[in-house]
Amino acid sequence: WTTGMRAKFLPRVELRWEHRRAGGRSEAGLSYRLHDFLRVELVRDSSE
């Protein structure tokens, strides 16, 4: 199982968080839409 949330603060900005039960691994990402076809996201988990 994976649980998660995402929030769209601005039309081009989205924040997400996910937690995978196996191994207790969590991951967060902050993305920005550069273009209708391209986004760039900064991702962080517990190790890197």
ModelCIF file with pLDDT and N, C-alpha, C, O atoms, coordinates in Angstrom:
data_MODEL
#
_entry.id   MODEL 
#
_entity.id                         1 
_entity.type                       polymer 
_entity.pdbx_number_of_molecules   1 
#
_entity_poly.entity_id                      1 
_entity_poly.type                           'polypeptide(L)' 
_entity_poly.nstd_linkage                   no 
_entity_poly.nstd_monomer                   no 
_entity_poly.pdbx_seq_one_letter_code       WTTGMRAKFLPRVELRWEHRRAGGRSEAGLSYRLHDFLRVELVRDSSE 
_entity_poly.pdbx_seq_one_letter_code_can   WTTGMRAKFLPRVELRWEHRRAGGRSEAGLSYRLHDFLRVELVRDSSE 
_entity_poly.pdbx_strand_id                 A 
#
loop_
_entity_poly_seq.entity_id 
_entity_poly_seq.num 
_entity_poly_seq.mon_id 
_entity_poly_seq.hetero 
1 1  TRP n 
1 2  THR n 
1 3  THR n 
1 4  GLY n 
1 5  MET n 
1 6  ARG n 
1 7  ALA n 
1 8  LYS n 
1 9  PHE n 
1 10 LEU n 
1 11 PRO n 
1 12 ARG n 
1 13 VAL n 
1 14 GLU n 
1 15 LEU n 
1 16 ARG n 
1 17 TRP n 
1 18 GLU n 
1 19 HIS n 
1 20 ARG n 
1 21 ARG n 
1 22 ALA n 
1 23 GLY n 
1 24 GLY n 
1 25 ARG n 
1 26 SER n 
1 27 GLU n 
1 28 ALA n 
1 29 GLY n 
1 30 LEU n 
1 31 SER n 
1 32 TYR n 
1 33 ARG n 
1 34 LEU n 
1 35 HIS n 
1 36 ASP n 
1 37 PHE n 
1 38 LEU n 
1 39 ARG n 
1 40 VAL n 
1 41 GLU n 
1 42 LEU n 
1 43 VAL n 
1 44 ARG n 
1 45 ASP n 
1 46 SER n 
1 47 SER n 
1 48 GLU n 
#
_struct_asym.id          A 
_struct_asym.entity_id   1 
#
loop_
_ma_qa_metric.id 
_ma_qa_metric.mode 
_ma_qa_metric.name 
_ma_qa_metric.software_group_id 
_ma_qa_metric.type 
1 global pLDDT . pLDDT 
2 local  pLDDT . pLDDT 
#
_ma_qa_metric_global.metric_id      1 
_ma_qa_metric_global.metric_value   93.15 
_ma_qa_metric_global.model_id       1 
_ma_qa_metric_global.ordinal_id     1 
#
loop_
_ma_qa_metric_local.label_asym_id 
_ma_qa_metric_local.label_comp_id 
_ma_qa_metric_local.label_seq_id 
_ma_qa_metric_local.metric_id 
_ma_qa_metric_local.metric_value 
_ma_qa_metric_local.model_id 
_ma_qa_metric_local.ordinal_id 
A TRP 1  2 95.00 1 1  
A THR 2  2 96.00 1 2  
A THR 3  2 97.00 1 3  
A GLY 4  2 97.00 1 4  
A MET 5  2 97.00 1 5  
A ARG 6  2 97.00 1 6  
A ALA 7  2 97.00 1 7  
A LYS 8  2 92.00 1 8  
A PHE 9  2 84.00 1 9  
A LEU 10 2 91.00 1 10 
A PRO 11 2 88.00 1 11 
A ARG 12 2 93.00 1 12 
A VAL 13 2 96.00 1 13 
A GLU 14 2 97.00 1 14 
A LEU 15 2 97.00 1 15 
A ARG 16 2 97.00 1 16 
A TRP 17 2 97.00 1 17 
A GLU 18 2 96.00 1 18 
A HIS 19 2 96.00 1 19 
A ARG 20 2 92.00 1 20 
A ARG 21 2 91.00 1 21 
A ALA 22 2 83.00 1 22 
A GLY 23 2 77.00 1 23 
A GLY 24 2 83.00 1 24 
A ARG 25 2 88.00 1 25 
A SER 26 2 94.00 1 26 
A GLU 27 2 94.00 1 27 
A ALA 28 2 97.00 1 28 
A GLY 29 2 97.00 1 29 
A LEU 30 2 97.00 1 30 
A SER 31 2 97.00 1 31 
A TYR 32 2 96.00 1 32 
A ARG 33 2 94.00 1 33 
A LEU 34 2 94.00 1 34 
A HIS 35 2 87.00 1 35 
A ASP 36 2 87.00 1 36 
A PHE 37 2 91.00 1 37 
A LEU 38 2 95.00 1 38 
A ARG 39 2 96.00 1 39 
A VAL 40 2 97.00 1 40 
A GLU 41 2 97.00 1 41 
A LEU 42 2 97.00 1 42 
A VAL 43 2 96.00 1 43 
A ARG 44 2 95.00 1 44 
A ASP 45 2 92.00 1 45 
A SER 46 2 86.00 1 46 
A SER 47 2 88.00 1 47 
A GLU 48 2 93.00 1 48 
#
loop_
_atom_site.group_PDB 
_atom_site.id 
_atom_site.type_symbol 
_atom_site.label_atom_id 
_atom_site.label_alt_id 
_atom_site.label_comp_id 
_atom_site.label_asym_id 
_atom_site.label_entity_id 
_atom_site.label_seq_id 
_atom_site.pdbx_PDB_ins_code 
_atom_site.Cartn_x 
_atom_site.Cartn_y 
_atom_site.Cartn_z 
_atom_site.occupancy 
_atom_site.B_iso_or_equiv 
_atom_site.pdbx_formal_charge 
_atom_site.auth_seq_id 
_atom_site.auth_comp_id 
_atom_site.auth_asym_id 
_atom_site.auth_atom_id 
_atom_site.pdbx_PDB_model_num 
ATOM 1   N N  . TRP A 1 1  ? 0.832  -1.196 0.000   1.00 95.00 ? 1  TRP A N  1 
ATOM 2   C CA . TRP A 1 1  ? 0.000  0.000  0.000   1.00 95.00 ? 1  TRP A CA 1 
ATOM 3   C C  . TRP A 1 1  ? 0.869  1.250  0.000   1.00 95.00 ? 1  TRP A C  1 
ATOM 4   O O  . TRP A 1 1  ? 1.930  1.298  0.622   1.00 95.00 ? 1  TRP A O  1 
ATOM 5   N N  . THR A 1 2  ? 0.376  2.276  -0.730  1.00 96.00 ? 2  THR A N  1 
ATOM 6   C CA . THR A 1 2  ? 1.014  3.594  -0.710  1.00 96.00 ? 2  THR A CA 1 
ATOM 7   C C  . THR A 1 2  ? -0.056 4.636  -0.420  1.00 96.00 ? 2  THR A C  1 
ATOM 8   O O  . THR A 1 2  ? -1.107 4.640  -1.061  1.00 96.00 ? 2  THR A O  1 
ATOM 9   N N  . THR A 1 3  ? 0.197  5.507  0.525   1.00 97.00 ? 3  THR A N  1 
ATOM 10  C CA . THR A 1 3  ? -0.686 6.636  0.805   1.00 97.00 ? 3  THR A CA 1 
ATOM 11  C C  . THR A 1 3  ? 0.015  7.915  0.386   1.00 97.00 ? 3  THR A C  1 
ATOM 12  O O  . THR A 1 3  ? 1.244  7.981  0.364   1.00 97.00 ? 3  THR A O  1 
ATOM 13  N N  . GLY A 1 4  ? -0.760 8.918  0.057   1.00 97.00 ? 4  GLY A N  1 
ATOM 14  C CA . GLY A 1 4  ? -0.139 10.157 -0.384  1.00 97.00 ? 4  GLY A CA 1 
ATOM 15  C C  . GLY A 1 4  ? -1.097 11.324 -0.405  1.00 97.00 ? 4  GLY A C  1 
ATOM 16  O O  . GLY A 1 4  ? -2.314 11.163 -0.305  1.00 97.00 ? 4  GLY A O  1 
ATOM 17  N N  . MET A 1 5  ? -0.518 12.507 -0.538  1.00 97.00 ? 5  MET A N  1 
ATOM 18  C CA . MET A 1 5  ? -1.282 13.747 -0.658  1.00 97.00 ? 5  MET A CA 1 
ATOM 19  C C  . MET A 1 5  ? -0.572 14.648 -1.657  1.00 97.00 ? 5  MET A C  1 
ATOM 20  O O  . MET A 1 5  ? 0.643  14.566 -1.840  1.00 97.00 ? 5  MET A O  1 
ATOM 21  N N  . ARG A 1 6  ? -1.345 15.497 -2.289  1.00 97.00 ? 6  ARG A N  1 
ATOM 22  C CA . ARG A 1 6  ? -0.756 16.511 -3.165  1.00 97.00 ? 6  ARG A CA 1 
ATOM 23  C C  . ARG A 1 6  ? -1.554 17.799 -3.036  1.00 97.00 ? 6  ARG A C  1 
ATOM 24  O O  . ARG A 1 6  ? -2.763 17.780 -2.806  1.00 97.00 ? 6  ARG A O  1 
ATOM 25  N N  . ALA A 1 7  ? -0.864 18.903 -3.187  1.00 97.00 ? 7  ALA A N  1 
ATOM 26  C CA . ALA A 1 7  ? -1.498 20.211 -3.049  1.00 97.00 ? 7  ALA A CA 1 
ATOM 27  C C  . ALA A 1 7  ? -1.042 21.103 -4.188  1.00 97.00 ? 7  ALA A C  1 
ATOM 28  O O  . ALA A 1 7  ? 0.150  21.177 -4.489  1.00 97.00 ? 7  ALA A O  1 
ATOM 29  N N  . LYS A 1 8  ? -1.988 21.780 -4.819  1.00 92.00 ? 8  LYS A N  1 
ATOM 30  C CA . LYS A 1 8  ? -1.694 22.718 -5.905  1.00 92.00 ? 8  LYS A CA 1 
ATOM 31  C C  . LYS A 1 8  ? -1.897 24.132 -5.375  1.00 92.00 ? 8  LYS A C  1 
ATOM 32  O O  . LYS A 1 8  ? -2.998 24.676 -5.444  1.00 92.00 ? 8  LYS A O  1 
ATOM 33  N N  . PHE A 1 9  ? -0.819 24.726 -4.843  1.00 84.00 ? 9  PHE A N  1 
ATOM 34  C CA . PHE A 1 9  ? -0.905 26.056 -4.271  1.00 84.00 ? 9  PHE A CA 1 
ATOM 35  C C  . PHE A 1 9  ? -1.122 27.117 -5.346  1.00 84.00 ? 9  PHE A C  1 
ATOM 36  O O  . PHE A 1 9  ? -1.860 28.083 -5.150  1.00 84.00 ? 9  PHE A O  1 
ATOM 37  N N  . LEU A 1 10 ? -0.465 26.918 -6.479  1.00 91.00 ? 10 LEU A N  1 
ATOM 38  C CA . LEU A 1 10 ? -0.523 27.849 -7.601  1.00 91.00 ? 10 LEU A CA 1 
ATOM 39  C C  . LEU A 1 10 ? -0.758 27.043 -8.869  1.00 91.00 ? 10 LEU A C  1 
ATOM 40  O O  . LEU A 1 10 ? -0.514 25.837 -8.875  1.00 91.00 ? 10 LEU A O  1 
ATOM 41  N N  . PRO A 1 11 ? -1.227 27.675 -9.949  1.00 88.00 ? 11 PRO A N  1 
ATOM 42  C CA . PRO A 1 11 ? -1.499 26.916 -11.177 1.00 88.00 ? 11 PRO A CA 1 
ATOM 43  C C  . PRO A 1 11 ? -0.313 26.114 -11.683 1.00 88.00 ? 11 PRO A C  1 
ATOM 44  O O  . PRO A 1 11 ? -0.507 25.052 -12.275 1.00 88.00 ? 11 PRO A O  1 
ATOM 45  N N  . ARG A 1 12 ? 0.920  26.590 -11.468 1.00 93.00 ? 12 ARG A N  1 
ATOM 46  C CA . ARG A 1 12 ? 2.106  25.900 -11.990 1.00 93.00 ? 12 ARG A CA 1 
ATOM 47  C C  . ARG A 1 12 ? 2.892  25.141 -10.919 1.00 93.00 ? 12 ARG A C  1 
ATOM 48  O O  . ARG A 1 12 ? 3.853  24.443 -11.243 1.00 93.00 ? 12 ARG A O  1 
ATOM 49  N N  . VAL A 1 13 ? 2.499  25.266 -9.655  1.00 96.00 ? 13 VAL A N  1 
ATOM 50  C CA . VAL A 1 13 ? 3.279  24.686 -8.560  1.00 96.00 ? 13 VAL A CA 1 
ATOM 51  C C  . VAL A 1 13 ? 2.460  23.605 -7.863  1.00 96.00 ? 13 VAL A C  1 
ATOM 52  O O  . VAL A 1 13 ? 1.281  23.796 -7.564  1.00 96.00 ? 13 VAL A O  1 
ATOM 53  N N  . GLU A 1 14 ? 3.110  22.456 -7.609  1.00 97.00 ? 14 GLU A N  1 
ATOM 54  C CA . GLU A 1 14 ? 2.437  21.362 -6.901  1.00 97.00 ? 14 GLU A CA 1 
ATOM 55  C C  . GLU A 1 14 ? 3.402  20.737 -5.903  1.00 97.00 ? 14 GLU A C  1 
ATOM 56  O O  . GLU A 1 14 ? 4.576  20.527 -6.205  1.00 97.00 ? 14 GLU A O  1 
ATOM 57  N N  . LEU A 1 15 ? 2.892  20.443 -4.710  1.00 97.00 ? 15 LEU A N  1 
ATOM 58  C CA . LEU A 1 15 ? 3.643  19.768 -3.662  1.00 97.00 ? 15 LEU A CA 1 
ATOM 59  C C  . LEU A 1 15 ? 3.005  18.409 -3.421  1.00 97.00 ? 15 LEU A C  1 
ATOM 60  O O  . LEU A 1 15 ? 1.785  18.315 -3.281  1.00 97.00 ? 15 LEU A O  1 
ATOM 61  N N  . ARG A 1 16 ? 3.823  17.342 -3.369  1.00 97.00 ? 16 ARG A N  1 
ATOM 62  C CA . ARG A 1 16 ? 3.285  16.003 -3.127  1.00 97.00 ? 16 ARG A CA 1 
ATOM 63  C C  . ARG A 1 16 ? 4.092  15.298 -2.049  1.00 97.00 ? 16 ARG A C  1 
ATOM 64  O O  . ARG A 1 16 ? 5.267  15.593 -1.827  1.00 97.00 ? 16 ARG A O  1 
ATOM 65  N N  . TRP A 1 17 ? 3.418  14.344 -1.377  1.00 97.00 ? 17 TRP A N  1 
ATOM 66  C CA . TRP A 1 17 ? 4.062  13.496 -0.379  1.00 97.00 ? 17 TRP A CA 1 
ATOM 67  C C  . TRP A 1 17 ? 3.478  12.101 -0.491  1.00 97.00 ? 17 TRP A C  1 
ATOM 68  O O  . TRP A 1 17 ? 2.263  11.943 -0.609  1.00 97.00 ? 17 TRP A O  1 
ATOM 69  N N  . GLU A 1 18 ? 4.350  11.070 -0.454  1.00 96.00 ? 18 GLU A N  1 
ATOM 70  C CA . GLU A 1 18 ? 3.911  9.681  -0.539  1.00 96.00 ? 18 GLU A CA 1 
ATOM 71  C C  . GLU A 1 18 ? 4.635  8.845  0.509   1.00 96.00 ? 18 GLU A C  1 
ATOM 72  O O  . GLU A 1 18 ? 5.799  9.092  0.824   1.00 96.00 ? 18 GLU A O  1 
ATOM 73  N N  . HIS A 1 19 ? 3.932  7.857  1.041   1.00 96.00 ? 19 HIS A N  1 
ATOM 74  C CA . HIS A 1 19 ? 4.528  6.940  2.013   1.00 96.00 ? 19 HIS A CA 1 
ATOM 75  C C  . HIS A 1 19 ? 4.182  5.515  1.610   1.00 96.00 ? 19 HIS A C  1 
ATOM 76  O O  . HIS A 1 19 ? 3.010  5.159  1.486   1.00 96.00 ? 19 HIS A O  1 
ATOM 77  N N  . ARG A 1 20 ? 5.203  4.711  1.410   1.00 92.00 ? 20 ARG A N  1 
ATOM 78  C CA . ARG A 1 20 ? 5.032  3.306  1.041   1.00 92.00 ? 20 ARG A CA 1 
ATOM 79  C C  . ARG A 1 20 ? 5.211  2.451  2.290   1.00 92.00 ? 20 ARG A C  1 
ATOM 80  O O  . ARG A 1 20 ? 6.217  2.560  2.991   1.00 92.00 ? 20 ARG A O  1 
ATOM 81  N N  . ARG A 1 21 ? 4.219  1.596  2.562   1.00 91.00 ? 21 ARG A N  1 
ATOM 82  C CA . ARG A 1 21 ? 4.225  0.840  3.808   1.00 91.00 ? 21 ARG A CA 1 
ATOM 83  C C  . ARG A 1 21 ? 5.432  -0.075 3.910   1.00 91.00 ? 21 ARG A C  1 
ATOM 84  O O  . ARG A 1 21 ? 6.058  -0.157 4.967   1.00 91.00 ? 21 ARG A O  1 
ATOM 85  N N  . ALA A 1 22 ? 5.768  -0.764 2.826   1.00 83.00 ? 22 ALA A N  1 
ATOM 86  C CA . ALA A 1 22 ? 6.928  -1.672 2.850   1.00 83.00 ? 22 ALA A CA 1 
ATOM 87  C C  . ALA A 1 22 ? 8.202  -0.860 3.042   1.00 83.00 ? 22 ALA A C  1 
ATOM 88  O O  . ALA A 1 22 ? 8.523  0.005  2.228   1.00 83.00 ? 22 ALA A O  1 
ATOM 89  N N  . GLY A 1 23 ? 8.916  -1.138 4.107   1.00 77.00 ? 23 GLY A N  1 
ATOM 90  C CA . GLY A 1 23 ? 10.152 -0.430 4.385   1.00 77.00 ? 23 GLY A CA 1 
ATOM 91  C C  . GLY A 1 23 ? 9.960  0.937  5.001   1.00 77.00 ? 23 GLY A C  1 
ATOM 92  O O  . GLY A 1 23 ? 10.939 1.592  5.357   1.00 77.00 ? 23 GLY A O  1 
ATOM 93  N N  . GLY A 1 24 ? 8.722  1.387  5.138   1.00 83.00 ? 24 GLY A N  1 
ATOM 94  C CA . GLY A 1 24 ? 8.457  2.691  5.733   1.00 83.00 ? 24 GLY A CA 1 
ATOM 95  C C  . GLY A 1 24 ? 9.071  3.839  4.957   1.00 83.00 ? 24 GLY A C  1 
ATOM 96  O O  . GLY A 1 24 ? 9.483  4.832  5.556   1.00 83.00 ? 24 GLY A O  1 
ATOM 97  N N  . ARG A 1 25 ? 9.143  3.725  3.625   1.00 88.00 ? 25 ARG A N  1 
ATOM 98  C CA . ARG A 1 25 ? 9.822  4.724  2.795   1.00 88.00 ? 25 ARG A CA 1 
ATOM 99  C C  . ARG A 1 25 ? 8.865  5.863  2.431   1.00 88.00 ? 25 ARG A C  1 
ATOM 100 O O  . ARG A 1 25 ? 7.753  5.618  1.963   1.00 88.00 ? 25 ARG A O  1 
ATOM 101 N N  . SER A 1 26 ? 9.295  7.083  2.643   1.00 94.00 ? 26 SER A N  1 
ATOM 102 C CA . SER A 1 26 ? 8.515  8.271  2.290   1.00 94.00 ? 26 SER A CA 1 
ATOM 103 C C  . SER A 1 26 ? 9.252  9.088  1.235   1.00 94.00 ? 26 SER A C  1 
ATOM 104 O O  . SER A 1 26 ? 10.479 9.041  1.148   1.00 94.00 ? 26 SER A O  1 
ATOM 105 N N  . GLU A 1 27 ? 8.510  9.823  0.452   1.00 94.00 ? 27 GLU A N  1 
ATOM 106 C CA . GLU A 1 27 ? 9.092  10.650 -0.610  1.00 94.00 ? 27 GLU A CA 1 
ATOM 107 C C  . GLU A 1 27 ? 8.263  11.913 -0.758  1.00 94.00 ? 27 GLU A C  1 
ATOM 108 O O  . GLU A 1 27 ? 7.034  11.862 -0.728  1.00 94.00 ? 27 GLU A O  1 
ATOM 109 N N  . ALA A 1 28 ? 8.933  13.044 -0.917  1.00 97.00 ? 28 ALA A N  1 
ATOM 110 C CA . ALA A 1 28 ? 8.263  14.334 -1.110  1.00 97.00 ? 28 ALA A CA 1 
ATOM 111 C C  . ALA A 1 28 ? 8.815  14.990 -2.368  1.00 97.00 ? 28 ALA A C  1 
ATOM 112 O O  . ALA A 1 28 ? 9.978  14.803 -2.724  1.00 97.00 ? 28 ALA A O  1 
ATOM 113 N N  . GLY A 1 29 ? 7.958  15.765 -3.038  1.00 97.00 ? 29 GLY A N  1 
ATOM 114 C CA . GLY A 1 29 ? 8.383  16.434 -4.259  1.00 97.00 ? 29 GLY A CA 1 
ATOM 115 C C  . GLY A 1 29 ? 7.708  17.784 -4.415  1.00 97.00 ? 29 GLY A C  1 
ATOM 116 O O  . GLY A 1 29 ? 6.534  17.949 -4.084  1.00 97.00 ? 29 GLY A O  1 
ATOM 117 N N  . LEU A 1 30 ? 8.460  18.742 -4.920  1.00 97.00 ? 30 LEU A N  1 
ATOM 118 C CA . LEU A 1 30 ? 7.945  20.073 -5.231  1.00 97.00 ? 30 LEU A CA 1 
ATOM 119 C C  . LEU A 1 30 ? 8.192  20.312 -6.714  1.00 97.00 ? 30 LEU A C  1 
ATOM 120 O O  . LEU A 1 30 ? 9.340  20.370 -7.154  1.00 97.00 ? 30 LEU A O  1 
ATOM 121 N N  . SER A 1 31 ? 7.112  20.452 -7.486  1.00 97.00 ? 31 SER A N  1 
ATOM 122 C CA . SER A 1 31 ? 7.261  20.553 -8.938  1.00 97.00 ? 31 SER A CA 1 
ATOM 123 C C  . SER A 1 31 ? 6.793  21.907 -9.442  1.00 97.00 ? 31 SER A C  1 
ATOM 124 O O  . SER A 1 31 ? 5.948  22.566 -8.836  1.00 97.00 ? 31 SER A O  1 
ATOM 125 N N  . TYR A 1 32 ? 7.371  22.300 -10.571 1.00 96.00 ? 32 TYR A N  1 
ATOM 126 C CA . TYR A 1 32 ? 7.004  23.549 -11.251 1.00 96.00 ? 32 TYR A CA 1 
ATOM 127 C C  . TYR A 1 32 ? 6.807  23.246 -12.726 1.00 96.00 ? 32 TYR A C  1 
ATOM 128 O O  . TYR A 1 32 ? 7.660  22.624 -13.359 1.00 96.00 ? 32 TYR A O  1 
ATOM 129 N N  . ARG A 1 33 ? 5.683  23.688 -13.269 1.00 94.00 ? 33 ARG A N  1 
ATOM 130 C CA . ARG A 1 33 ? 5.390  23.437 -14.685 1.00 94.00 ? 33 ARG A CA 1 
ATOM 131 C C  . ARG A 1 33 ? 6.040  24.513 -15.540 1.00 94.00 ? 33 ARG A C  1 
ATOM 132 O O  . ARG A 1 33 ? 5.628  25.673 -15.521 1.00 94.00 ? 33 ARG A O  1 
ATOM 133 N N  . LEU A 1 34 ? 7.062  24.112 -16.290 1.00 94.00 ? 34 LEU A N  1 
ATOM 134 C CA . LEU A 1 34 ? 7.738  25.044 -17.191 1.00 94.00 ? 34 LEU A CA 1 
ATOM 135 C C  . LEU A 1 34 ? 6.923  25.297 -18.443 1.00 94.00 ? 34 LEU A C  1 
ATOM 136 O O  . LEU A 1 34 ? 6.971  26.384 -19.019 1.00 94.00 ? 34 LEU A O  1 
ATOM 137 N N  . HIS A 1 35 ? 6.167  24.279 -18.865 1.00 87.00 ? 35 HIS A N  1 
ATOM 138 C CA . HIS A 1 35 ? 5.434  24.304 -20.124 1.00 87.00 ? 35 HIS A CA 1 
ATOM 139 C C  . HIS A 1 35 ? 4.313  23.290 -19.996 1.00 87.00 ? 35 HIS A C  1 
ATOM 140 O O  . HIS A 1 35 ? 4.340  22.439 -19.107 1.00 87.00 ? 35 HIS A O  1 
ATOM 141 N N  . ASP A 1 36 ? 3.328  23.374 -20.880 1.00 87.00 ? 36 ASP A N  1 
ATOM 142 C CA . ASP A 1 36 ? 2.235  22.403 -20.831 1.00 87.00 ? 36 ASP A CA 1 
ATOM 143 C C  . ASP A 1 36 ? 2.740  20.970 -20.968 1.00 87.00 ? 36 ASP A C  1 
ATOM 144 O O  . ASP A 1 36 ? 2.072  20.034 -20.529 1.00 87.00 ? 36 ASP A O  1 
ATOM 145 N N  . PHE A 1 37 ? 3.911  20.792 -21.573 1.00 91.00 ? 37 PHE A N  1 
ATOM 146 C CA . PHE A 1 37 ? 4.442  19.453 -21.791 1.00 91.00 ? 37 PHE A CA 1 
ATOM 147 C C  . PHE A 1 37 ? 5.612  19.093 -20.877 1.00 91.00 ? 37 PHE A C  1 
ATOM 148 O O  . PHE A 1 37 ? 6.131  17.980 -20.968 1.00 91.00 ? 37 PHE A O  1 
ATOM 149 N N  . LEU A 1 38 ? 6.035  19.992 -20.009 1.00 95.00 ? 38 LEU A N  1 
ATOM 150 C CA . LEU A 1 38 ? 7.252  19.723 -19.222 1.00 95.00 ? 38 LEU A CA 1 
ATOM 151 C C  . LEU A 1 38 ? 7.147  20.320 -17.831 1.00 95.00 ? 38 LEU A C  1 
ATOM 152 O O  . LEU A 1 38 ? 6.784  21.483 -17.650 1.00 95.00 ? 38 LEU A O  1 
ATOM 153 N N  . ARG A 1 39 ? 7.484  19.469 -16.834 1.00 96.00 ? 39 ARG A N  1 
ATOM 154 C CA . ARG A 1 39 ? 7.578  19.903 -15.441 1.00 96.00 ? 39 ARG A CA 1 
ATOM 155 C C  . ARG A 1 39 ? 8.967  19.552 -14.904 1.00 96.00 ? 39 ARG A C  1 
ATOM 156 O O  . ARG A 1 39 ? 9.612  18.622 -15.388 1.00 96.00 ? 39 ARG A O  1 
ATOM 157 N N  . VAL A 1 40 ? 9.410  20.294 -13.917 1.00 97.00 ? 40 VAL A N  1 
ATOM 158 C CA . VAL A 1 40 ? 10.653 19.970 -13.217 1.00 97.00 ? 40 VAL A CA 1 
ATOM 159 C C  . VAL A 1 40 ? 10.298 19.827 -11.736 1.00 97.00 ? 40 VAL A C  1 
ATOM 160 O O  . VAL A 1 40 ? 9.557  20.642 -11.185 1.00 97.00 ? 40 VAL A O  1 
ATOM 161 N N  . GLU A 1 41 ? 10.841 18.771 -11.094 1.00 97.00 ? 41 GLU A N  1 
ATOM 162 C CA . GLU A 1 41 ? 10.472 18.479 -9.716  1.00 97.00 ? 41 GLU A CA 1 
ATOM 163 C C  . GLU A 1 41 ? 11.722 18.235 -8.873  1.00 97.00 ? 41 GLU A C  1 
ATOM 164 O O  . GLU A 1 41 ? 12.630 17.510 -9.279  1.00 97.00 ? 41 GLU A O  1 
ATOM 165 N N  . LEU A 1 42 ? 11.748 18.848 -7.704  1.00 97.00 ? 42 LEU A N  1 
ATOM 166 C CA . LEU A 1 42 ? 12.767 18.565 -6.704  1.00 97.00 ? 42 LEU A CA 1 
ATOM 167 C C  . LEU A 1 42 ? 12.217 17.476 -5.787  1.00 97.00 ? 42 LEU A C  1 
ATOM 168 O O  . LEU A 1 42 ? 11.177 17.657 -5.153  1.00 97.00 ? 42 LEU A O  1 
ATOM 169 N N  . VAL A 1 43 ? 12.925 16.336 -5.717  1.00 96.00 ? 43 VAL A N  1 
ATOM 170 C CA . VAL A 1 43 ? 12.440 15.174 -4.974  1.00 96.00 ? 43 VAL A CA 1 
ATOM 171 C C  . VAL A 1 43 ? 13.377 14.901 -3.811  1.00 96.00 ? 43 VAL A C  1 
ATOM 172 O O  . VAL A 1 43 ? 14.594 15.052 -3.920  1.00 96.00 ? 43 VAL A O  1 
ATOM 173 N N  . ARG A 1 44 ? 12.778 14.492 -2.690  1.00 95.00 ? 44 ARG A N  1 
ATOM 174 C CA . ARG A 1 44 ? 13.572 14.160 -1.502  1.00 95.00 ? 44 ARG A CA 1 
ATOM 175 C C  . ARG A 1 44 ? 12.952 12.964 -0.798  1.00 95.00 ? 44 ARG A C  1 
ATOM 176 O O  . ARG A 1 44 ? 11.742 12.922 -0.576  1.00 95.00 ? 44 ARG A O  1 
ATOM 177 N N  . ASP A 1 45 ? 13.796 11.980 -0.445  1.00 92.00 ? 45 ASP A N  1 
ATOM 178 C CA . ASP A 1 45 ? 13.345 10.897 0.422   1.00 92.00 ? 45 ASP A CA 1 
ATOM 179 C C  . ASP A 1 45 ? 14.221 10.889 1.675   1.00 92.00 ? 45 ASP A C  1 
ATOM 180 O O  . ASP A 1 45 ? 14.937 11.856 1.933   1.00 92.00 ? 45 ASP A O  1 
ATOM 181 N N  . SER A 1 46 ? 14.172 9.819  2.447   1.00 86.00 ? 46 SER A N  1 
ATOM 182 C CA . SER A 1 46 ? 14.883 9.807  3.722   1.00 86.00 ? 46 SER A CA 1 
ATOM 183 C C  . SER A 1 46 ? 16.399 9.771  3.570   1.00 86.00 ? 46 SER A C  1 
ATOM 184 O O  . SER A 1 46 ? 17.123 10.057 4.524   1.00 86.00 ? 46 SER A O  1 
ATOM 185 N N  . SER A 1 47 ? 16.890 9.421  2.374   1.00 88.00 ? 47 SER A N  1 
ATOM 186 C CA . SER A 1 47 ? 18.335 9.259  2.209   1.00 88.00 ? 47 SER A CA 1 
ATOM 187 C C  . SER A 1 47 ? 18.991 10.265 1.277   1.00 88.00 ? 47 SER A C  1 
ATOM 188 O O  . SER A 1 47 ? 20.181 10.542 1.428   1.00 88.00 ? 47 SER A O  1 
ATOM 189 N N  . GLU A 1 48 ? 18.263 10.817 0.325   1.00 93.00 ? 48 GLU A N  1 
ATOM 190 C CA . GLU A 1 48 ? 18.898 11.707 -0.653  1.00 93.00 ? 48 GLU A CA 1 
ATOM 191 C C  . GLU A 1 48 ? 17.859 12.569 -1.351  1.00 93.00 ? 48 GLU A C  1 
ATOM 192 O O  . GLU A 1 48 ? 18.206 13.381 -2.208  1.00 93.00 ? 48 GLU A O  1 
#
